[in-house]
PDB file of N, CA and C in Angstrom:
ATOM      1  N   MET A   1      69.096  15.968  99.022  1.00  0.00           N
ATOM      2  CA  MET A   1      69.865  16.302 100.204  1.00  0.00           C
ATOM      3  C   MET A   1      71.185  16.943  99.758  1.00  0.00           C
ATOM      4  N   PRO A   2      71.557  18.066 100.325  1.00  0.00           N
ATOM      5  CA  PRO A   2      72.812  18.729  99.963  1.00  0.00           C
ATOM      6  C   PRO A   2      74.030  17.841 100.268  1.00  0.00           C
ATOM      7  N   THR A   3      75.073  17.995  99.466  1.00  0.00           N
ATOM      8  CA  THR A   3      76.294  17.202  99.616  1.00  0.00           C
ATOM      9  C   THR A   3      76.820  17.238 101.048  1.00  0.00           C
ATOM     10  N   ARG A   4      76.812  18.399 101.652  1.00  0.00           N
ATOM     11  CA  ARG A   4      77.316  18.532 103.023  1.00  0.00           C
ATOM     12  C   ARG A   4      76.568  17.601 103.979  1.00  0.00           C
ATOM     13  N   GLU A   5      75.255  17.498 103.815  1.00  0.00           N
ATOM     14  CA  GLU A   5      74.466  16.629 104.681  1.00  0.00           C
ATOM     15  C   GLU A   5      74.729  15.154 104.395  1.00  0.00           C
ATOM     16  N   VAL A   6      74.924  14.798 103.121  1.00  0.00           N
ATOM     17  CA  VAL A   6      75.236  13.418 102.754  1.00  0.00           C
ATOM     18  C   VAL A   6      76.545  12.992 103.418  1.00  0.00           C
ATOM     19  N   TYR A   7      77.575  13.830 103.317  1.00  0.00           N
ATOM     20  CA  TYR A   7      78.860  13.497 103.914  1.00  0.00           C
ATOM     21  C   TYR A   7      78.783  13.472 105.437  1.00  0.00           C
ATOM     22  N   ALA A   8      78.038  14.370 106.039  1.00  0.00           N
ATOM     23  CA  ALA A   8      77.887  14.370 107.493  1.00  0.00           C
ATOM     24  C   ALA A   8      77.221  13.072 107.954  1.00  0.00           C
ATOM     25  N   GLU A   9      76.201  12.622 107.243  1.00  0.00           N
ATOM     26  CA  GLU A   9      75.518  11.379 107.583  1.00  0.00           C
ATOM     27  C   GLU A   9      76.446  10.179 107.390  1.00  0.00           C
ATOM     28  N   ALA A  10      77.204  10.158 106.308  1.00  0.00           N
ATOM     29  CA  ALA A  10      78.149   9.067 106.070  1.00  0.00           C
ATOM     30  C   ALA A  10      79.184   9.000 107.189  1.00  0.00           C
ATOM     31  N   ARG A  11      79.653  10.136 107.608  1.00  0.00           N
ATOM     32  CA  ARG A  11      80.639  10.196 108.692  1.00  0.00           C
ATOM     33  C   ARG A  11      80.033   9.652 109.990  1.00  0.00           C
ATOM     34  N   ARG A  12      78.809  10.042 110.291  1.00  0.00           N
ATOM     35  CA  ARG A  12      78.134   9.530 111.489  1.00  0.00           C
ATOM     36  C   ARG A  12      77.980   8.010 111.434  1.00  0.00           C
ATOM     37  N   ARG A  13      77.582   7.498 110.280  1.00  0.00           N
ATOM     38  CA  ARG A  13      77.385   6.058 110.126  1.00  0.00           C
ATOM     39  C   ARG A  13      78.694   5.299 110.269  1.00  0.00           C
ATOM     40  N   LEU A  14      79.767   5.831 109.686  1.00  0.00           N
ATOM     41  CA  LEU A  14      81.076   5.187 109.821  1.00  0.00           C
ATOM     42  C   LEU A  14      81.533   5.155 111.271  1.00  0.00           C
ATOM     43  N   LEU A  15      81.311   6.236 111.983  1.00  0.00           N
ATOM     44  CA  LEU A  15      81.693   6.274 113.395  1.00  0.00           C
ATOM     45  C   LEU A  15      80.883   5.270 114.207  1.00  0.00           C
ATOM     46  N   ASP A  16      79.601   5.136 113.922  1.00  0.00           N
ATOM     47  CA  ASP A  16      78.763   4.161 114.621  1.00  0.00           C
ATOM     48  C   ASP A  16      79.253   2.737 114.364  1.00  0.00           C
ATOM     49  N   LEU A  17      79.606   2.428 113.116  1.00  0.00           N
ATOM     50  CA  LEU A  17      80.109   1.095 112.779  1.00  0.00           C
ATOM     51  C   LEU A  17      81.456   0.822 113.456  1.00  0.00           C
ATOM     52  N   ALA A  18      82.320   1.808 113.498  1.00  0.00           N
ATOM     53  CA  ALA A  18      83.655   1.637 114.070  1.00  0.00           C
ATOM     54  C   ALA A  18      83.615   1.469 115.583  1.00  0.00           C
ATOM     55  N   ASP A  19      82.588   1.970 116.207  1.00  0.00           N
ATOM     56  CA  ASP A  19      82.490   1.933 117.664  1.00  0.00           C
ATOM     57  C   ASP A  19      82.609   0.522 118.219  1.00  0.00           C
ATOM     58  N   GLY A  20      82.149  -0.467 117.493  1.00  0.00           N
ATOM     59  CA  GLY A  20      82.175  -1.844 117.982  1.00  0.00           C
ATOM     60  C   GLY A  20      83.416  -2.632 117.610  1.00  0.00           C
ATOM     61  N   LEU A  21      84.380  -2.027 116.943  1.00  0.00           N
ATOM     62  CA  LEU A  21      85.581  -2.740 116.512  1.00  0.00           C
ATOM     63  C   LEU A  21      86.689  -2.637 117.548  1.00  0.00           C
ATOM     64  N   ASP A  22      87.431  -3.748 117.726  1.00  0.00           N
ATOM     65  CA  ASP A  22      88.595  -3.691 118.602  1.00  0.00           C
ATOM     66  C   ASP A  22      89.862  -3.591 117.741  1.00  0.00           C
ATOM     67  N   GLY A  23      91.015  -3.484 118.372  1.00  0.00           N
ATOM     68  CA  GLY A  23      92.274  -3.298 117.657  1.00  0.00           C
ATOM     69  C   GLY A  23      92.577  -4.395 116.650  1.00  0.00           C
ATOM     70  N   ALA A  24      92.301  -5.638 117.020  1.00  0.00           N
ATOM     71  CA  ALA A  24      92.558  -6.752 116.106  1.00  0.00           C
ATOM     72  C   ALA A  24      91.666  -6.666 114.874  1.00  0.00           C
ATOM     73  N   GLU A  25      90.432  -6.262 115.073  1.00  0.00           N
ATOM     74  CA  GLU A  25      89.508  -6.145 113.940  1.00  0.00           C
ATOM     75  C   GLU A  25      89.915  -5.012 113.008  1.00  0.00           C
ATOM     76  N   THR A  26      90.369  -3.904 113.548  1.00  0.00           N
ATOM     77  CA  THR A  26      90.754  -2.779 112.695  1.00  0.00           C
ATOM     78  C   THR A  26      92.031  -3.056 111.907  1.00  0.00           C
ATOM     79  N   ALA A  27      92.808  -4.048 112.340  1.00  0.00           N
ATOM     80  CA  ALA A  27      94.042  -4.408 111.630  1.00  0.00           C
ATOM     81  C   ALA A  27      93.782  -5.372 110.470  1.00  0.00           C
ATOM     82  N   ARG A  28      92.581  -5.914 110.386  1.00  0.00           N
ATOM     83  CA  ARG A  28      92.264  -6.855 109.299  1.00  0.00           C
ATOM     84  C   ARG A  28      92.336  -6.163 107.955  1.00  0.00           C
ATOM     85  N   SER A  29      92.701  -6.935 106.947  1.00  0.00           N
ATOM     86  CA  SER A  29      92.812  -6.367 105.600  1.00  0.00           C
ATOM     87  C   SER A  29      91.433  -6.211 104.971  1.00  0.00           C
ATOM     88  N   VAL A  30      91.372  -5.323 103.989  1.00  0.00           N
ATOM     89  CA  VAL A  30      90.140  -5.058 103.246  1.00  0.00           C
ATOM     90  C   VAL A  30      90.323  -5.674 101.859  1.00  0.00           C
ATOM     91  N   PRO A  31      89.575  -6.725 101.529  1.00  0.00           N
ATOM     92  CA  PRO A  31      89.773  -7.423 100.249  1.00  0.00           C
ATOM     93  C   PRO A  31      89.736  -6.511  99.018  1.00  0.00           C
ATOM     94  N   ALA A  32      88.877  -5.514  99.026  1.00  0.00           N
ATOM     95  CA  ALA A  32      88.748  -4.634  97.863  1.00  0.00           C
ATOM     96  C   ALA A  32      89.879  -3.601  97.775  1.00  0.00           C
ATOM     97  N   LEU A  33      90.681  -3.493  98.846  1.00  0.00           N
ATOM     98  CA  LEU A  33      91.756  -2.495  98.895  1.00  0.00           C
ATOM     99  C   LEU A  33      93.057  -3.176  99.330  1.00  0.00           C
ATOM    100  N   PRO A  34      93.729  -3.867  98.403  1.00  0.00           N
ATOM    101  CA  PRO A  34      94.959  -4.591  98.757  1.00  0.00           C
ATOM    102  C   PRO A  34      95.974  -3.689  99.471  1.00  0.00           C
ATOM    103  N   GLY A  35      96.469  -4.173 100.615  1.00  0.00           N
ATOM    104  CA  GLY A  35      97.449  -3.431 101.381  1.00  0.00           C
ATOM    105  C   GLY A  35      96.840  -2.470 102.396  1.00  0.00           C
ATOM    106  N   TRP A  36      95.534  -2.351 102.408  1.00  0.00           N
ATOM    107  CA  TRP A  36      94.853  -1.439 103.334  1.00  0.00           C
ATOM    108  C   TRP A  36      94.188  -2.241 104.437  1.00  0.00           C
ATOM    109  N   SER A  37      94.269  -1.717 105.654  1.00  0.00           N
ATOM    110  CA  SER A  37      93.544  -2.308 106.780  1.00  0.00           C
ATOM    111  C   SER A  37      92.198  -1.590 106.925  1.00  0.00           C
ATOM    112  N   ILE A  38      91.363  -2.117 107.807  1.00  0.00           N
ATOM    113  CA  ILE A  38      90.104  -1.435 108.101  1.00  0.00           C
ATOM    114  C   ILE A  38      90.405  -0.050 108.668  1.00  0.00           C
ATOM    115  N   LYS A  39      91.420   0.034 109.527  1.00  0.00           N
ATOM    116  CA  LYS A  39      91.805   1.331 110.098  1.00  0.00           C
ATOM    117  C   LYS A  39      92.236   2.307 109.007  1.00  0.00           C
ATOM    118  N   ASP A  40      93.052   1.841 108.049  1.00  0.00           N
ATOM    119  CA  ASP A  40      93.469   2.700 106.936  1.00  0.00           C
ATOM    120  C   ASP A  40      92.269   3.206 106.148  1.00  0.00           C
ATOM    121  N   THR A  41      91.333   2.305 105.887  1.00  0.00           N
ATOM    122  CA  THR A  41      90.153   2.650 105.114  1.00  0.00           C
ATOM    123  C   THR A  41      89.307   3.687 105.840  1.00  0.00           C
ATOM    124  N   TYR A  42      89.121   3.483 107.135  1.00  0.00           N
ATOM    125  CA  TYR A  42      88.358   4.454 107.925  1.00  0.00           C
ATOM    126  C   TYR A  42      89.039   5.817 107.938  1.00  0.00           C
ATOM    127  N   ALA A  43      90.360   5.814 108.093  1.00  0.00           N
ATOM    128  CA  ALA A  43      91.088   7.093 108.112  1.00  0.00           C
ATOM    129  C   ALA A  43      90.906   7.823 106.784  1.00  0.00           C
ATOM    130  N   HIS A  44      90.975   7.093 105.690  1.00  0.00           N
ATOM    131  CA  HIS A  44      90.803   7.685 104.359  1.00  0.00           C
ATOM    132  C   HIS A  44      89.387   8.248 104.189  1.00  0.00           C
ATOM    133  N   LEU A  45      88.395   7.433 104.529  1.00  0.00           N
ATOM    134  CA  LEU A  45      87.009   7.878 104.360  1.00  0.00           C
ATOM    135  C   LEU A  45      86.668   9.045 105.283  1.00  0.00           C
ATOM    136  N   ALA A  46      87.130   8.978 106.514  1.00  0.00           N
ATOM    137  CA  ALA A  46      86.866  10.078 107.444  1.00  0.00           C
ATOM    138  C   ALA A  46      87.555  11.350 106.970  1.00  0.00           C
ATOM    139  N   GLY A  47      88.749  11.207 106.404  1.00  0.00           N
ATOM    140  CA  GLY A  47      89.469  12.371 105.886  1.00  0.00           C
ATOM    141  C   GLY A  47      88.739  13.028 104.730  1.00  0.00           C
ATOM    142  N   ILE A  48      88.178  12.214 103.847  1.00  0.00           N
ATOM    143  CA  ILE A  48      87.415  12.773 102.729  1.00  0.00           C
ATOM    144  C   ILE A  48      86.186  13.511 103.250  1.00  0.00           C
ATOM    145  N   CYS A  49      85.475  12.895 104.202  1.00  0.00           N
ATOM    146  CA  CYS A  49      84.294  13.556 104.774  1.00  0.00           C
ATOM    147  C   CYS A  49      84.685  14.877 105.430  1.00  0.00           C
ATOM    148  N   ALA A  50      85.779  14.874 106.180  1.00  0.00           N
ATOM    149  CA  ALA A  50      86.238  16.105 106.835  1.00  0.00           C
ATOM    150  C   ALA A  50      86.586  17.168 105.804  1.00  0.00           C
ATOM    151  N   ASP A  51      87.246  16.759 104.715  1.00  0.00           N
ATOM    152  CA  ASP A  51      87.592  17.713 103.657  1.00  0.00           C
ATOM    153  C   ASP A  51      86.348  18.351 103.053  1.00  0.00           C
ATOM    154  N   VAL A  52      85.329  17.541 102.780  1.00  0.00           N
ATOM    155  CA  VAL A  52      84.098  18.072 102.191  1.00  0.00           C
ATOM    156  C   VAL A  52      83.395  18.992 103.182  1.00  0.00           C
ATOM    157  N   LEU A  53      83.284  18.553 104.436  1.00  0.00           N
ATOM    158  CA  LEU A  53      82.602  19.373 105.439  1.00  0.00           C
ATOM    159  C   LEU A  53      83.322  20.694 105.672  1.00  0.00           C
ATOM    160  N   ASP A  54      84.651  20.697 105.542  1.00  0.00           N
ATOM    161  CA  ASP A  54      85.435  21.922 105.731  1.00  0.00           C
ATOM    162  C   ASP A  54      85.660  22.667 104.409  1.00  0.00           C
ATOM    163  N   ASP A  55      84.976  22.207 103.354  1.00  0.00           N
ATOM    164  CA  ASP A  55      85.040  22.820 102.027  1.00  0.00           C
ATOM    165  C   ASP A  55      86.457  22.852 101.445  1.00  0.00           C
ATOM    166  N   ARG A  56      87.225  21.792 101.709  1.00  0.00           N
ATOM    167  CA  ARG A  56      88.551  21.645 101.099  1.00  0.00           C
ATOM    168  C   ARG A  56      88.407  20.688  99.915  1.00  0.00           C
ATOM    169  N   ARG A  57      87.990  21.222  98.798  1.00  0.00           N
ATOM    170  CA  ARG A  57      87.796  20.414  97.594  1.00  0.00           C
ATOM    171  C   ARG A  57      87.823  21.329  96.388  1.00  0.00           C
ATOM    172  N   GLY A  58      87.815  20.734  95.232  1.00  0.00           N
ATOM    173  CA  GLY A  58      87.755  21.517  94.005  1.00  0.00           C
ATOM    174  C   GLY A  58      89.097  21.628  93.314  1.00  0.00           C
ATOM    175  N   ALA A  59      89.129  22.437  92.296  1.00  0.00           N
ATOM    176  CA  ALA A  59      90.330  22.607  91.475  1.00  0.00           C
ATOM    177  C   ALA A  59      91.509  23.046  92.335  1.00  0.00           C
ATOM    178  N   GLY A  60      92.635  22.408  92.118  1.00  0.00           N
ATOM    179  CA  GLY A  60      93.849  22.778  92.822  1.00  0.00           C
ATOM    180  C   GLY A  60      94.032  22.093  94.154  1.00  0.00           C
ATOM    181  N   TYR A  61      93.002  21.397  94.641  1.00  0.00           N
ATOM    182  CA  TYR A  61      93.133  20.710  95.915  1.00  0.00           C
ATOM    183  C   TYR A  61      93.679  19.312  95.687  1.00  0.00           C
ATOM    184  N   ARG A  62      94.725  18.971  96.417  1.00  0.00           N
ATOM    185  CA  ARG A  62      95.326  17.636  96.308  1.00  0.00           C
ATOM    186  C   ARG A  62      94.779  16.794  97.458  1.00  0.00           C
ATOM    187  N   TRP A  63      93.782  15.940  97.178  1.00  0.00           N
ATOM    188  CA  TRP A  63      93.132  15.113  98.191  1.00  0.00           C
ATOM    189  C   TRP A  63      94.162  14.304  98.951  1.00  0.00           C
ATOM    190  N   GLY A  64      94.027  14.336 100.250  1.00  0.00           N
ATOM    191  CA  GLY A  64      94.889  13.528 101.102  1.00  0.00           C
ATOM    192  C   GLY A  64      96.223  14.150 101.434  1.00  0.00           C
ATOM    193  N   ASP A  65      96.507  15.317 100.942  1.00  0.00           N
ATOM    194  CA  ASP A  65      97.776  15.981 101.224  1.00  0.00           C
ATOM    195  C   ASP A  65      97.784  16.420 102.676  1.00  0.00           C
ATOM    196  N   ALA A  66      98.786  15.984 103.429  1.00  0.00           N
ATOM    197  CA  ALA A  66      98.859  16.300 104.858  1.00  0.00           C
ATOM    198  C   ALA A  66      98.961  17.790 105.115  1.00  0.00           C
ATOM    199  N   ALA A  67      99.460  18.552 104.133  1.00  0.00           N
ATOM    200  CA  ALA A  67      99.630  19.989 104.303  1.00  0.00           C
ATOM    201  C   ALA A  67      98.354  20.758 104.002  1.00  0.00           C
ATOM    202  N   GLY A  68      97.287  20.069 103.667  1.00  0.00           N
ATOM    203  CA  GLY A  68      96.027  20.751 103.414  1.00  0.00           C
ATOM    204  C   GLY A  68      95.706  20.898 101.938  1.00  0.00           C
ATOM    205  N   GLY A  69      96.659  20.616 101.076  1.00  0.00           N
ATOM    206  CA  GLY A  69      96.400  20.541  99.656  1.00  0.00           C
ATOM    207  C   GLY A  69      96.150  21.827  98.926  1.00  0.00           C
ATOM    208  N   ARG A  70      96.324  22.954  99.554  1.00  0.00           N
ATOM    209  CA  ARG A  70      96.056  24.188  98.830  1.00  0.00           C
ATOM    210  C   ARG A  70      97.343  24.857  98.436  1.00  0.00           C
TER     211      ARG A  70
END
């Protein structure tokens, strides 16, 4: 399966899982990511998927840069 399809599927699955969470649940901490909430983790993962789907990756790209990293 091409990378684009893998990331699109991961994004769909994350959105399906998040659909059932309320505000209190999204504020819970993530044991594997000290200092991160479930909401923070989702934002990070969704951002990576969006970057891959929009082809913002590769040499010179600063992942997570609010300015787009180019």
